[in-house]
Amino acid sequence: MAGALFLAACSNSSGYFESVNPVPPALVSDSCGASQFKYLVGQPVTALAGVTIPDPKRVIEAGSVVTKEYFAERINIRLDVEDNIADIYCG
């Protein structure tokens, strides 16, 4: 019963939980500078060895569980199942 009350207190009027640090609806800014590394998309992850990407950054392997908090200054490098760079973006 106490758990149900806790969950009810955390939900909004639509019944969904709100994120503590939601991703902005329109990510049009390049707040972390990821656009300068977009040329790496499609290349194998080993291509990162010759590139200096500033911190904070994280490499997200295919199927990995990651936290969903949004940090405008962080560069995310998402890999596909073949360890190729699938995307590079802020967050």
C-alpha atoms as a PDB file:
ATOM      1  CA  MET A   1       0.000   0.000   0.000  1.00  0.00           C
ATOM      2  CA  ALA A   2       2.784   2.435   0.878  1.00  0.00           C
ATOM      3  CA  GLY A   3       4.447   1.698  -2.462  1.00  0.00           C
ATOM      4  CA  ALA A   4       1.275   2.545  -4.358  1.00  0.00           C
ATOM      5  CA  LEU A   5       0.977   5.853  -2.512  1.00  0.00           C
ATOM      6  CA  PHE A   6       4.603   6.654  -3.307  1.00  0.00           C
ATOM      7  CA  LEU A   7       4.124   5.911  -6.993  1.00  0.00           C
ATOM      8  CA  ALA A   8       0.927   7.944  -7.115  1.00  0.00           C
ATOM      9  CA  ALA A   9       2.762  10.896  -5.600  1.00  0.00           C
ATOM     10  CA  CYS A  10       5.463  10.685  -8.294  1.00  0.00           C
ATOM     11  CA  SER A  11       3.163  10.575 -11.294  1.00  0.00           C
ATOM     12  CA  ASN A  12       1.807  13.547 -13.166  1.00  0.00           C
ATOM     13  CA  SER A  13      -1.819  14.019 -14.192  1.00  0.00           C
ATOM     14  CA  SER A  14      -1.369  11.903 -17.321  1.00  0.00           C
ATOM     15  CA  GLY A  15      -0.248   8.932 -15.245  1.00  0.00           C
ATOM     16  CA  TYR A  16       3.296   8.913 -16.631  1.00  0.00           C
ATOM     17  CA  PHE A  17       6.418   9.529 -14.580  1.00  0.00           C
ATOM     18  CA  GLU A  18       8.298  12.726 -15.245  1.00  0.00           C
ATOM     19  CA  SER A  19      12.022  12.632 -15.919  1.00  0.00           C
ATOM     20  CA  VAL A  20      14.286  14.410 -13.464  1.00  0.00           C
ATOM     21  CA  ASN A  21      16.445  15.793 -16.261  1.00  0.00           C
ATOM     22  CA  PRO A  22      14.449  15.494 -19.516  1.00  0.00           C
ATOM     23  CA  VAL A  23      15.930  15.800 -22.983  1.00  0.00           C
ATOM     24  CA  PRO A  24      14.861  19.055 -24.608  1.00  0.00           C
ATOM     25  CA  PRO A  25      12.203  18.452 -27.300  1.00  0.00           C
ATOM     26  CA  ALA A  26      14.213  20.040 -30.100  1.00  0.00           C
ATOM     27  CA  LEU A  27      17.925  19.338 -30.031  1.00  0.00           C
ATOM     28  CA  VAL A  28      18.960  21.868 -32.631  1.00  0.00           C
ATOM     29  CA  SER A  29      21.972  23.243 -30.808  1.00  0.00           C
ATOM     30  CA  ASP A  30      25.425  21.734 -30.965  1.00  0.00           C
ATOM     31  CA  SER A  31      26.184  22.552 -27.341  1.00  0.00           C
ATOM     32  CA  CYS A  32      28.891  19.888 -27.042  1.00  0.00           C
ATOM     33  CA  GLY A  33      30.539  20.297 -30.450  1.00  0.00           C
ATOM     34  CA  ALA A  34      29.488  16.850 -31.714  1.00  0.00           C
ATOM     35  CA  SER A  35      28.925  18.118 -35.241  1.00  0.00           C
ATOM     36  CA  GLN A  36      32.666  18.430 -35.827  1.00  0.00           C
ATOM     37  CA  PHE A  37      32.977  14.661 -35.346  1.00  0.00           C
ATOM     38  CA  LYS A  38      30.064  13.593 -37.585  1.00  0.00           C
ATOM     39  CA  TYR A  39      32.565  12.548 -40.267  1.00  0.00           C
ATOM     40  CA  LEU A  40      33.316   9.528 -38.050  1.00  0.00           C
ATOM     41  CA  VAL A  41      29.802   8.082 -38.472  1.00  0.00           C
ATOM     42  CA  GLY A  42      30.019   4.790 -40.366  1.00  0.00           C
ATOM     43  CA  GLN A  43      33.663   4.213 -39.462  1.00  0.00           C
ATOM     44  CA  PRO A  44      34.838   1.442 -37.120  1.00  0.00           C
ATOM     45  CA  VAL A  45      35.250   2.332 -33.444  1.00  0.00           C
ATOM     46  CA  THR A  46      39.027   2.005 -33.921  1.00  0.00           C
ATOM     47  CA  ALA A  47      38.866   5.321 -35.815  1.00  0.00           C
ATOM     48  CA  LEU A  48      38.436   7.025 -32.432  1.00  0.00           C
ATOM     49  CA  ALA A  49      42.035   6.145 -31.529  1.00  0.00           C
ATOM     50  CA  GLY A  50      43.385   8.875 -33.778  1.00  0.00           C
ATOM     51  CA  VAL A  51      40.915  11.560 -32.710  1.00  0.00           C
ATOM     52  CA  THR A  52      40.923  13.790 -29.652  1.00  0.00           C
ATOM     53  CA  ILE A  53      37.362  14.156 -28.415  1.00  0.00           C
ATOM     54  CA  PRO A  54      37.016  16.383 -25.353  1.00  0.00           C
ATOM     55  CA  ASP A  55      35.468  15.237 -22.087  1.00  0.00           C
ATOM     56  CA  PRO A  56      32.828  14.634 -21.041  1.00  0.00           C
ATOM     57  CA  LYS A  57      32.128  11.866 -23.516  1.00  0.00           C
ATOM     58  CA  ARG A  58      30.814   8.327 -23.495  1.00  0.00           C
ATOM     59  CA  VAL A  59      30.875   5.457 -25.952  1.00  0.00           C
ATOM     60  CA  ILE A  60      27.607   3.529 -26.016  1.00  0.00           C
ATOM     61  CA  GLU A  61      27.940  -0.015 -27.309  1.00  0.00           C
ATOM     62  CA  ALA A  62      25.009  -1.672 -29.082  1.00  0.00           C
ATOM     63  CA  GLY A  63      22.601  -3.134 -26.553  1.00  0.00           C
ATOM     64  CA  SER A  64      24.147  -1.280 -23.630  1.00  0.00           C
ATOM     65  CA  VAL A  65      22.037   0.090 -20.832  1.00  0.00           C
ATOM     66  CA  VAL A  66      22.725   3.774 -20.287  1.00  0.00           C
ATOM     67  CA  THR A  67      21.382   6.434 -17.989  1.00  0.00           C
ATOM     68  CA  LYS A  68      18.943   8.844 -19.619  1.00  0.00           C
ATOM     69  CA  GLU A  69      20.026  12.083 -18.019  1.00  0.00           C
ATOM     70  CA  TYR A  70      20.766  14.854 -20.481  1.00  0.00           C
ATOM     71  CA  PHE A  71      24.061  16.759 -20.264  1.00  0.00           C
ATOM     72  CA  ALA A  72      24.299  19.383 -22.998  1.00  0.00           C
ATOM     73  CA  GLU A  73      28.098  19.401 -22.873  1.00  0.00           C
ATOM     74  CA  ARG A  74      28.576  15.600 -23.151  1.00  0.00           C
ATOM     75  CA  ILE A  75      29.402  13.918 -26.470  1.00  0.00           C
ATOM     76  CA  ASN A  76      27.736  10.526 -26.935  1.00  0.00           C
ATOM     77  CA  ILE A  77      29.203   8.106 -29.445  1.00  0.00           C
ATOM     78  CA  ARG A  78      26.733   5.318 -30.241  1.00  0.00           C
ATOM     79  CA  LEU A  79      28.033   2.098 -31.814  1.00  0.00           C
ATOM     80  CA  ASP A  80      26.127  -0.441 -33.892  1.00  0.00           C
ATOM     81  CA  VAL A  81      26.311  -4.231 -33.495  1.00  0.00           C
ATOM     82  CA  GLU A  82      29.357  -4.382 -35.773  1.00  0.00           C
ATOM     83  CA  ASP A  83      31.249  -1.796 -33.638  1.00  0.00           C
ATOM     84  CA  ASN A  84      30.895   0.920 -36.250  1.00  0.00           C
ATOM     85  CA  ILE A  85      30.045   4.451 -35.161  1.00  0.00           C
ATOM     86  CA  ALA A  86      26.305   4.807 -35.715  1.00  0.00           C
ATOM     87  CA  ASP A  87      25.817   8.319 -34.322  1.00  0.00           C
ATOM     88  CA  ILE A  88      27.568  11.123 -32.487  1.00  0.00           C
ATOM     89  CA  TYR A  89      25.401  13.605 -30.593  1.00  0.00           C
ATOM     90  CA  CYS A  90      25.153  15.835 -27.541  1.00  0.00           C
ATOM     91  CA  GLY A  91      23.510  14.633 -24.403  1.00  0.00           C
END
